[in-house]
Amino acid sequence: MKNPLISVIITAYNRREFIRDAVNSIINSALPEDWYEIIVIKNYRDEYVDDIVKKTGGKSIITDIVSIGTKVALGIEVASGDVITFLEDDDAYLPSRLRNVRNMFEHVPSLIYYHNNVVAIDENGKVIHDKLIEETNIHNTVIAYNYEDKLNAFRRYGWGLGLRLSSMAVRRSFINKWVGIIKRFPDLVDVLIFLLALASDGTIYHDPRRLTYYRVSSTSASSARAVRDPLNRFNRAVKNAARHAVARHMFVTLAEKMGLRKYVRYDEATVIGGIYGDWGMQLSKAIVDLVMCGSTRCIGSAMFGLTYLISPWLAKRLVYLYYTRAFNAWGLRY
């Protein structure tokens, strides 16, 4: 029976074009195969990926689950490693990442949360300059041993220490306690895990080295900014905003119960505003395109786009109220 130090959890849904690159980045790692296991959770079969997982003694789970939180929680529950790290299917590791993760967790027994910077790549795997990535990479080493140290680090660097799931690794003894909460989050799992690390005993560490390839592409589930067509970009932004609204409502509620509400400095609609703010100049074209089709969905989207142009605040608020009421109706309160 394999007894790895590190469990790597890969999550995917429908998207097939990048997952082989993700798996290859693990097996081509500087860390010997005996030190890790690969856990892949997806809703389709891929002969190449499934064969590698089997040969390396990993676990392949086929499920129709959409929620990223539920899939991450499922991976945690079946993981064997003392350390768990994550890899979204369109991202990849640099060869030295897993070895560095191992070294950190071995040399710092109190470490519960590790985070590293990323390199942006495009759909073809080419390294690119991405303004948002550069603004959110943190170029200092950050280590916090206790609660006060963590809050000081958080005050200085904010949520940048908790962005991008593929940059994170956690100790299993820490994350196991929170599986029940993680599985209920449809989004924002990365900042959720960081929040849980802030509120838990143990050390957090940010590594300024760029050890993860983060793909900026039109197929990204978390961002619409690389989608070229204005209509598709607008529809993706609406979908993302709805999912974010539910998760953010849950996130703020959880932060308040943990006594960290004062550090959550955005209102319930801020993330929606950020998404729409990027596309304000494109909405007029999207509306024209949408009105040309006759479906209820198109007409509704066009009306919403017009609402945004008249009152961005009202548009954000409508989305938030609709989806958080649905959230409450589902009984997902804490």
Protein backbone atom coordinates (compact mmCIF):
# COMPACT_ATOMS: atom_id res chain seq x y z
CA MET A 1 0.00 0.00 0.00
CA LYS A 2 1.39 3.35 -1.04
CA ASN A 3 1.94 5.80 1.83
CA PRO A 4 2.68 9.17 0.17
CA LEU A 5 3.60 12.37 1.92
CA ILE A 6 1.67 14.55 -0.57
CA SER A 7 -1.76 14.05 -2.14
CA VAL A 8 -2.35 16.14 -5.27
CA ILE A 9 -6.06 16.75 -5.95
CA ILE A 10 -6.96 17.61 -9.56
CA THR A 11 -10.52 18.75 -10.25
CA ALA A 12 -12.14 19.05 -13.68
CA TYR A 13 -15.60 19.41 -15.19
CA ASN A 14 -16.21 18.94 -18.93
CA ARG A 15 -13.00 20.70 -19.98
CA ARG A 16 -10.61 18.13 -21.45
CA GLU A 17 -7.98 20.08 -23.36
CA PHE A 18 -5.54 20.86 -20.54
CA ILE A 19 -5.83 18.05 -17.99
CA ARG A 20 -3.05 15.95 -19.56
CA ASP A 21 -0.67 18.88 -19.17
CA ALA A 22 -1.67 19.13 -15.51
CA VAL A 23 -0.99 15.43 -14.89
CA ASN A 24 2.27 15.53 -16.84
CA SER A 25 3.49 18.41 -14.68
CA ILE A 26 3.14 16.13 -11.66
CA ILE A 27 4.81 13.03 -13.06
CA ASN A 28 7.63 15.18 -14.44
CA SER A 29 8.15 16.71 -11.03
CA ALA A 30 11.51 16.70 -9.24
CA LEU A 31 9.77 14.80 -6.45
CA PRO A 32 10.04 10.98 -6.73
CA GLU A 33 6.82 9.13 -7.48
CA ASP A 34 6.78 7.38 -4.11
CA TRP A 35 6.37 10.73 -2.37
CA TYR A 36 3.01 11.65 -3.88
CA GLU A 37 -0.34 10.33 -5.01
CA ILE A 38 -2.59 11.80 -7.71
CA ILE A 39 -6.33 12.10 -7.08
CA VAL A 40 -8.36 13.14 -10.14
CA ILE A 41 -12.03 14.09 -9.80
CA LYS A 42 -13.81 14.68 -13.11
CA ASN A 43 -17.02 13.89 -14.98
CA TYR A 44 -15.49 12.09 -17.95
CA ARG A 45 -13.00 9.35 -18.78
CA ASP A 46 -9.60 10.04 -20.29
CA GLU A 47 -7.59 6.93 -21.08
CA TYR A 48 -4.22 8.67 -20.79
CA VAL A 49 -4.98 10.37 -17.48
CA ASP A 50 -6.78 7.39 -15.97
CA ASP A 51 -3.88 5.08 -16.91
CA ILE A 52 -1.28 7.35 -15.28
CA VAL A 53 -3.34 7.65 -12.11
CA LYS A 54 -3.66 3.86 -11.93
CA LYS A 55 0.04 3.21 -12.63
CA THR A 56 1.16 5.68 -9.96
CA GLY A 57 -1.19 4.23 -7.33
CA GLY A 58 -3.54 7.20 -7.30
CA LYS A 59 -7.31 7.50 -7.24
CA SER A 60 -9.60 8.36 -10.15
CA ILE A 61 -13.15 9.44 -9.29
CA ILE A 62 -15.81 9.94 -11.97
CA THR A 63 -18.70 12.11 -10.79
CA ASP A 64 -21.18 14.60 -12.20
CA ILE A 65 -20.65 16.98 -9.28
CA VAL A 66 -20.26 20.56 -10.52
CA SER A 67 -19.47 22.42 -7.28
CA ILE A 68 -15.73 22.96 -6.84
CA GLY A 69 -16.14 22.90 -3.06
CA THR A 70 -17.83 19.51 -3.09
CA LYS A 71 -15.16 18.06 -5.39
CA VAL A 72 -12.31 19.43 -3.27
CA ALA A 73 -13.95 18.04 -0.13
CA LEU A 74 -14.34 14.64 -1.79
CA GLY A 75 -10.65 14.64 -2.68
CA ILE A 76 -9.67 15.53 0.88
CA GLU A 77 -11.80 12.70 2.25
CA VAL A 78 -10.04 10.04 0.14
CA ALA A 79 -6.52 11.51 0.39
CA SER A 80 -3.78 9.47 2.05
CA GLY A 81 -1.03 12.09 2.24
CA ASP A 82 -0.08 14.09 5.30
CA VAL A 83 -0.02 17.14 3.01
CA ILE A 84 -2.72 17.98 0.45
CA THR A 85 -2.16 20.28 -2.50
CA PHE A 86 -4.50 21.25 -5.29
CA LEU A 87 -4.28 21.59 -9.06
CA GLU A 88 -7.05 22.87 -11.29
CA ASP A 89 -7.16 21.03 -14.59
CA ASP A 90 -6.05 24.01 -16.70
CA ASP A 91 -3.05 24.85 -14.49
CA ALA A 92 0.29 23.07 -14.05
CA TYR A 93 3.23 22.85 -11.65
CA LEU A 94 6.80 23.86 -12.31
CA PRO A 95 9.10 20.84 -11.78
CA SER A 96 10.40 22.03 -8.41
CA ARG A 97 7.06 22.84 -6.77
CA LEU A 98 6.21 19.53 -5.10
CA ARG A 99 9.75 19.18 -3.78
CA ASN A 100 9.57 22.66 -2.28
CA VAL A 101 6.20 21.90 -0.72
CA ARG A 102 7.63 18.72 0.82
CA ASN A 103 10.63 20.57 2.22
CA MET A 104 8.53 23.29 3.81
CA PHE A 105 6.13 20.93 5.54
CA GLU A 106 8.96 18.68 6.74
CA HIS A 107 11.06 21.53 8.13
CA VAL A 108 8.21 23.51 9.73
CA PRO A 109 6.16 21.05 11.84
CA SER A 110 3.63 23.75 12.76
CA LEU A 111 2.93 24.64 9.11
CA ILE A 112 -0.73 24.21 8.11
CA TYR A 113 -0.97 26.44 5.02
CA TYR A 114 1.45 27.08 2.15
CA HIS A 115 1.00 29.44 -0.79
CA ASN A 116 3.22 30.37 -3.75
CA ASN A 117 3.27 32.87 -6.62
CA VAL A 118 2.33 31.96 -10.19
CA VAL A 119 3.46 32.37 -13.79
CA ALA A 120 0.71 33.32 -16.25
CA ILE A 121 0.41 31.23 -19.41
CA ASP A 122 -1.98 31.38 -22.37
CA GLU A 123 -4.08 28.64 -23.95
CA ASN A 124 -0.99 27.28 -25.74
CA GLY A 125 1.13 27.16 -22.60
CA LYS A 126 3.17 30.20 -23.59
CA VAL A 127 4.33 32.45 -20.73
CA ILE A 128 2.57 35.83 -20.91
CA HIS A 129 2.44 39.05 -18.96
CA ASP A 130 -0.90 39.44 -17.20
CA LYS A 131 -1.53 42.65 -15.30
CA LEU A 132 -3.93 41.13 -12.77
CA ILE A 133 -1.55 38.27 -11.98
CA GLU A 134 1.35 40.66 -11.48
CA GLU A 135 -0.73 42.86 -9.20
CA THR A 136 -1.78 39.94 -7.00
CA ASN A 137 1.54 38.06 -6.81
CA ILE A 138 3.17 38.92 -3.47
CA HIS A 139 6.92 39.32 -3.84
CA ASN A 140 7.93 39.03 -0.17
CA THR A 141 8.31 35.92 1.95
CA VAL A 142 5.48 35.89 4.49
CA ILE A 143 5.48 33.65 7.55
CA ALA A 144 3.04 33.94 10.46
CA TYR A 145 3.20 31.64 13.45
CA ASN A 146 0.29 32.79 15.57
CA TYR A 147 -3.06 34.54 15.31
CA GLU A 148 -1.69 38.06 15.77
CA ASP A 149 1.05 37.45 13.19
CA LYS A 150 -1.57 36.19 10.75
CA LEU A 151 -3.78 39.22 11.19
CA ASN A 152 -0.80 41.53 10.69
CA ALA A 153 0.08 39.68 7.48
CA PHE A 154 -3.52 39.84 6.37
CA ARG A 155 -3.75 43.58 7.06
CA ARG A 156 -0.67 44.13 4.92
CA TYR A 157 -1.26 41.76 2.02
CA GLY A 158 -5.00 41.09 2.14
CA TRP A 159 -6.58 38.26 0.18
CA GLY A 160 -3.55 38.02 -2.12
CA LEU A 161 -2.30 35.37 0.29
CA GLY A 162 -5.38 33.28 -0.48
CA LEU A 163 -5.77 33.47 -4.25
CA ARG A 164 -5.59 30.59 -6.73
CA LEU A 165 -6.20 27.06 -5.51
CA SER A 166 -3.34 25.65 -7.60
CA SER A 167 -0.91 27.69 -5.48
CA MET A 168 -1.99 26.13 -2.17
CA ALA A 169 -0.96 23.22 0.01
CA VAL A 170 -2.32 22.36 3.46
CA ARG A 171 -1.67 19.87 6.21
CA ARG A 172 -4.36 17.19 6.20
CA SER A 173 -4.81 17.25 9.98
CA PHE A 174 -5.87 20.90 9.64
CA ILE A 175 -8.09 20.74 6.56
CA ASN A 176 -9.92 17.56 7.61
CA LYS A 177 -11.70 19.55 10.32
CA TRP A 178 -13.32 21.80 7.73
CA VAL A 179 -14.47 19.35 5.06
CA GLY A 180 -18.11 19.79 6.04
CA ILE A 181 -17.93 23.53 5.34
CA ILE A 182 -15.77 23.33 2.22
CA LYS A 183 -18.18 20.96 0.48
CA ARG A 184 -20.98 23.53 0.72
CA PHE A 185 -19.14 26.27 -1.17
CA PRO A 186 -19.84 26.48 -4.92
CA ASP A 187 -16.97 28.92 -5.43
CA LEU A 188 -14.25 30.95 -3.62
CA VAL A 189 -12.73 27.77 -2.20
CA ASP A 190 -9.24 29.28 -2.34
CA VAL A 191 -10.02 32.30 -0.15
CA LEU A 192 -12.17 30.07 2.06
CA ILE A 193 -9.21 27.78 2.81
CA PHE A 194 -7.07 30.83 3.57
CA LEU A 195 -9.75 32.15 5.94
CA LEU A 196 -9.86 28.79 7.72
CA ALA A 197 -6.06 28.84 8.07
CA LEU A 198 -6.22 32.34 9.58
CA ALA A 199 -8.71 31.15 12.18
CA SER A 200 -6.87 27.90 13.05
CA ASP A 201 -3.81 27.14 15.15
CA GLY A 202 -0.67 26.70 13.08
CA THR A 203 1.74 28.53 10.81
CA ILE A 204 0.97 30.01 7.39
CA TYR A 205 3.70 30.61 4.80
CA HIS A 206 3.81 32.44 1.48
CA ASP A 207 6.61 31.51 -0.90
CA PRO A 208 7.42 34.35 -3.35
CA ARG A 209 8.80 31.93 -5.93
CA ARG A 210 6.68 31.33 -9.03
CA LEU A 211 6.02 27.61 -8.81
CA THR A 212 2.64 27.26 -10.52
CA TYR A 213 1.61 27.91 -14.10
CA TYR A 214 -1.75 29.72 -14.03
CA ARG A 215 -3.59 29.57 -17.34
CA VAL A 216 -5.45 32.63 -18.61
CA SER A 217 -7.82 31.36 -21.28
CA SER A 218 -11.31 31.69 -22.71
CA THR A 219 -12.29 28.41 -21.01
CA SER A 220 -11.46 29.60 -17.50
CA ALA A 221 -14.29 28.88 -15.09
CA SER A 222 -13.42 31.75 -12.76
CA SER A 223 -12.87 34.64 -15.16
CA ALA A 224 -14.39 35.95 -18.36
CA ARG A 225 -11.66 38.44 -19.19
CA ALA A 226 -9.98 36.23 -21.83
CA VAL A 227 -13.22 35.58 -23.73
CA ARG A 228 -12.95 37.60 -26.94
CA ASP A 229 -16.54 37.68 -28.12
CA PRO A 230 -18.47 40.42 -26.23
CA LEU A 231 -21.71 38.44 -26.09
CA ASN A 232 -20.08 35.29 -24.73
CA ARG A 233 -17.99 37.35 -22.36
CA PHE A 234 -21.06 39.10 -20.99
CA ASN A 235 -22.97 35.83 -20.52
CA ARG A 236 -19.96 34.27 -18.78
CA ALA A 237 -19.63 37.30 -16.50
CA VAL A 238 -23.30 37.04 -15.49
CA LYS A 239 -22.92 33.34 -14.72
CA ASN A 240 -19.74 33.89 -12.71
CA ALA A 241 -21.32 36.77 -10.81
CA ALA A 242 -24.27 34.63 -9.78
CA ARG A 243 -22.03 31.85 -8.50
CA HIS A 244 -19.78 34.36 -6.73
CA ALA A 245 -22.76 36.04 -5.08
CA VAL A 246 -23.87 32.83 -3.40
CA ALA A 247 -20.35 31.92 -2.28
CA ARG A 248 -19.57 35.44 -1.08
CA HIS A 249 -22.75 35.51 1.00
CA MET A 250 -21.67 32.25 2.64
CA PHE A 251 -18.12 33.52 3.04
CA VAL A 252 -19.12 36.73 4.82
CA THR A 253 -21.47 34.78 7.09
CA LEU A 254 -18.69 32.36 8.02
CA ALA A 255 -16.16 35.16 8.60
CA GLU A 256 -18.60 36.86 10.96
CA LYS A 257 -19.06 33.70 13.00
CA MET A 258 -15.28 33.31 13.25
CA GLY A 259 -14.89 36.85 14.56
CA LEU A 260 -13.17 38.02 11.35
CA ARG A 261 -16.02 40.04 9.85
CA LYS A 262 -14.21 43.36 10.30
CA TYR A 263 -11.44 42.09 8.04
CA VAL A 264 -13.87 41.26 5.24
CA ARG A 265 -13.98 44.78 3.87
CA TYR A 266 -16.16 44.32 0.82
CA ASP A 267 -19.94 44.55 0.76
CA GLU A 268 -22.01 41.73 -0.64
CA ALA A 269 -21.95 43.05 -4.20
CA THR A 270 -18.33 44.11 -4.56
CA VAL A 271 -17.18 41.02 -6.41
CA ILE A 272 -20.09 41.36 -8.84
CA GLY A 273 -19.18 44.98 -9.39
CA GLY A 274 -15.61 43.98 -10.17
CA ILE A 275 -16.74 41.54 -12.81
CA TYR A 276 -19.16 43.94 -14.47
CA GLY A 277 -16.77 46.85 -14.15
CA ASP A 278 -14.42 45.15 -16.59
CA TRP A 279 -17.12 44.81 -19.23
CA GLY A 280 -19.05 48.09 -18.99
CA MET A 281 -17.68 49.30 -22.33
CA GLN A 282 -18.72 46.06 -24.02
CA LEU A 283 -22.28 45.85 -22.74
CA SER A 284 -23.83 48.04 -25.41
CA LYS A 285 -22.64 45.70 -28.17
CA ALA A 286 -23.74 42.68 -26.14
CA ILE A 287 -27.21 44.17 -25.77
CA VAL A 288 -27.53 44.73 -29.52
CA ASP A 289 -26.50 41.15 -30.20
CA LEU A 290 -28.85 39.78 -27.54
CA VAL A 291 -31.88 41.68 -28.75
CA MET A 292 -31.45 40.08 -32.15
CA CYS A 293 -32.38 36.68 -30.74
CA GLY A 294 -35.82 35.78 -29.52
CA SER A 295 -35.25 33.53 -26.51
CA THR A 296 -36.38 34.52 -23.04
CA ARG A 297 -32.84 34.15 -21.80
CA CYS A 298 -31.51 36.55 -24.44
CA ILE A 299 -34.18 39.12 -23.75
CA GLY A 300 -33.63 38.84 -20.01
CA SER A 301 -29.89 39.27 -20.41
CA ALA A 302 -30.43 42.30 -22.62
CA MET A 303 -32.74 43.88 -20.04
CA PHE A 304 -30.16 43.22 -17.35
CA GLY A 305 -27.44 44.77 -19.48
CA LEU A 306 -29.58 47.85 -19.96
CA THR A 307 -30.18 48.00 -16.21
CA TYR A 308 -26.44 47.93 -15.65
CA LEU A 309 -25.88 50.82 -18.03
CA ILE A 310 -28.54 52.90 -16.25
CA SER A 311 -27.58 51.92 -12.69
CA PRO A 312 -24.62 49.58 -12.01
CA TRP A 313 -25.51 49.54 -8.32
CA LEU A 314 -29.07 48.38 -9.01
CA ALA A 315 -27.89 45.65 -11.39
CA LYS A 316 -25.43 44.32 -8.80
CA ARG A 317 -28.03 44.47 -6.07
CA LEU A 318 -30.64 42.61 -8.12
CA VAL A 319 -28.25 39.75 -8.81
CA TYR A 320 -27.17 39.59 -5.19
CA LEU A 321 -30.71 39.62 -3.79
CA TYR A 322 -31.95 37.00 -6.22
CA TYR A 323 -29.21 34.50 -5.58
CA THR A 324 -28.79 35.00 -1.83
CA ARG A 325 -32.51 34.57 -1.36
CA ALA A 326 -32.17 31.30 -3.22
CA PHE A 327 -29.22 30.52 -0.95
CA ASN A 328 -31.38 31.08 2.13
CA ALA A 329 -34.20 29.06 0.61
CA TRP A 330 -31.83 26.12 0.22
CA GLY A 331 -31.24 26.18 3.99
CA LEU A 332 -27.50 26.74 3.67
CA ARG A 333 -27.20 29.03 6.68
CA TYR A 334 -24.50 28.50 9.30
